[in-house]
Amino acid sequence: MNKVYAYYPIYQYEVNSITYQSEFPFGEGSSSAIHIGEKVIIQYDKKNPENFIVSGKENAWLGQAIFGC
């Protein structure tokens, strides 16, 4: 039996002096794809800053919407 691992990074960001921390709902297949402390661009919903997407990871949401992954 083969095991498959997925790594789910936790992102932390601040909006209007409020810190948000959340696990990205789509995992990476390799731990080397995640770099602890790396700064990335976060896009968030201005009406609900808890909703975010990591810039460059938009295809993960698209795959979820189209394929139900």
Protein backbone atom coordinates (compact mmCIF):
# COMPACT_ATOMS: atom_id res chain seq x y z
CA MET A 1 0.00 0.00 0.00
CA ASN A 2 1.40 3.40 -1.01
CA LYS A 3 0.92 6.48 1.11
CA VAL A 4 0.35 9.84 -0.49
CA TYR A 5 1.10 12.93 1.52
CA ALA A 6 -0.26 16.42 1.03
CA TYR A 7 1.22 19.47 2.72
CA TYR A 8 -1.16 22.27 3.68
CA PRO A 9 0.60 25.57 4.28
CA ILE A 10 -0.69 28.04 6.87
CA TYR A 11 -0.69 31.66 5.77
CA GLN A 12 -0.69 34.65 8.07
CA TYR A 13 -1.47 38.19 6.95
CA GLU A 14 -2.63 41.47 8.42
CA VAL A 15 -5.48 43.70 7.23
CA ASN A 16 -6.37 46.93 9.06
CA SER A 17 -4.30 45.89 12.10
CA ILE A 18 -6.12 42.53 12.36
CA THR A 19 -3.99 39.41 11.91
CA TYR A 20 -5.51 36.51 10.01
CA GLN A 21 -4.02 33.03 9.99
CA SER A 22 -5.50 30.22 7.94
CA GLU A 23 -4.58 26.96 6.30
CA PHE A 24 -4.84 27.06 2.53
CA PRO A 25 -7.51 24.48 1.62
CA PHE A 26 -5.48 22.95 -1.22
CA GLY A 27 -2.34 21.01 -0.39
CA GLU A 28 1.00 20.69 -2.11
CA GLY A 29 2.33 17.33 -3.18
CA SER A 30 5.83 18.08 -1.94
CA SER A 31 7.13 19.73 1.21
CA SER A 32 9.82 21.39 -0.93
CA ALA A 33 7.04 23.48 -2.56
CA ILE A 34 6.45 25.18 0.79
CA HIS A 35 9.07 27.51 2.21
CA ILE A 36 8.55 28.50 5.84
CA GLY A 37 8.82 32.26 6.28
CA GLU A 38 8.58 32.97 2.56
CA LYS A 39 6.68 36.15 1.73
CA VAL A 40 3.94 35.77 -0.85
CA ILE A 41 1.23 38.01 -2.25
CA ILE A 42 -2.19 37.40 -0.71
CA GLN A 43 -5.39 38.58 -2.38
CA TYR A 44 -8.33 38.87 -0.02
CA ASP A 45 -11.99 39.82 -0.11
CA LYS A 46 -12.25 43.41 1.15
CA LYS A 47 -15.71 42.71 2.58
CA ASN A 48 -14.53 39.54 4.34
CA PRO A 49 -10.72 39.49 4.72
CA GLU A 50 -10.79 35.91 6.04
CA ASN A 51 -11.43 34.82 2.43
CA PHE A 52 -8.12 34.81 0.62
CA ILE A 53 -6.18 33.33 -2.26
CA VAL A 54 -2.43 33.12 -2.65
CA SER A 55 -1.31 34.87 -5.79
CA GLY A 56 -0.30 32.22 -8.30
CA LYS A 57 -2.60 29.59 -6.74
CA GLU A 58 -5.79 30.74 -8.48
CA ASN A 59 -5.84 27.54 -10.54
CA ALA A 60 -6.48 25.53 -7.37
CA TRP A 61 -9.82 27.31 -6.94
CA LEU A 62 -10.59 26.97 -10.63
CA GLY A 63 -9.99 23.22 -10.46
CA GLN A 64 -12.30 23.00 -7.45
CA ALA A 65 -15.05 24.93 -9.27
CA ILE A 66 -14.78 22.99 -12.53
CA PHE A 67 -13.80 19.49 -11.47
CA GLY A 68 -14.97 19.41 -7.87
CA CYS A 69 -11.49 18.42 -6.71
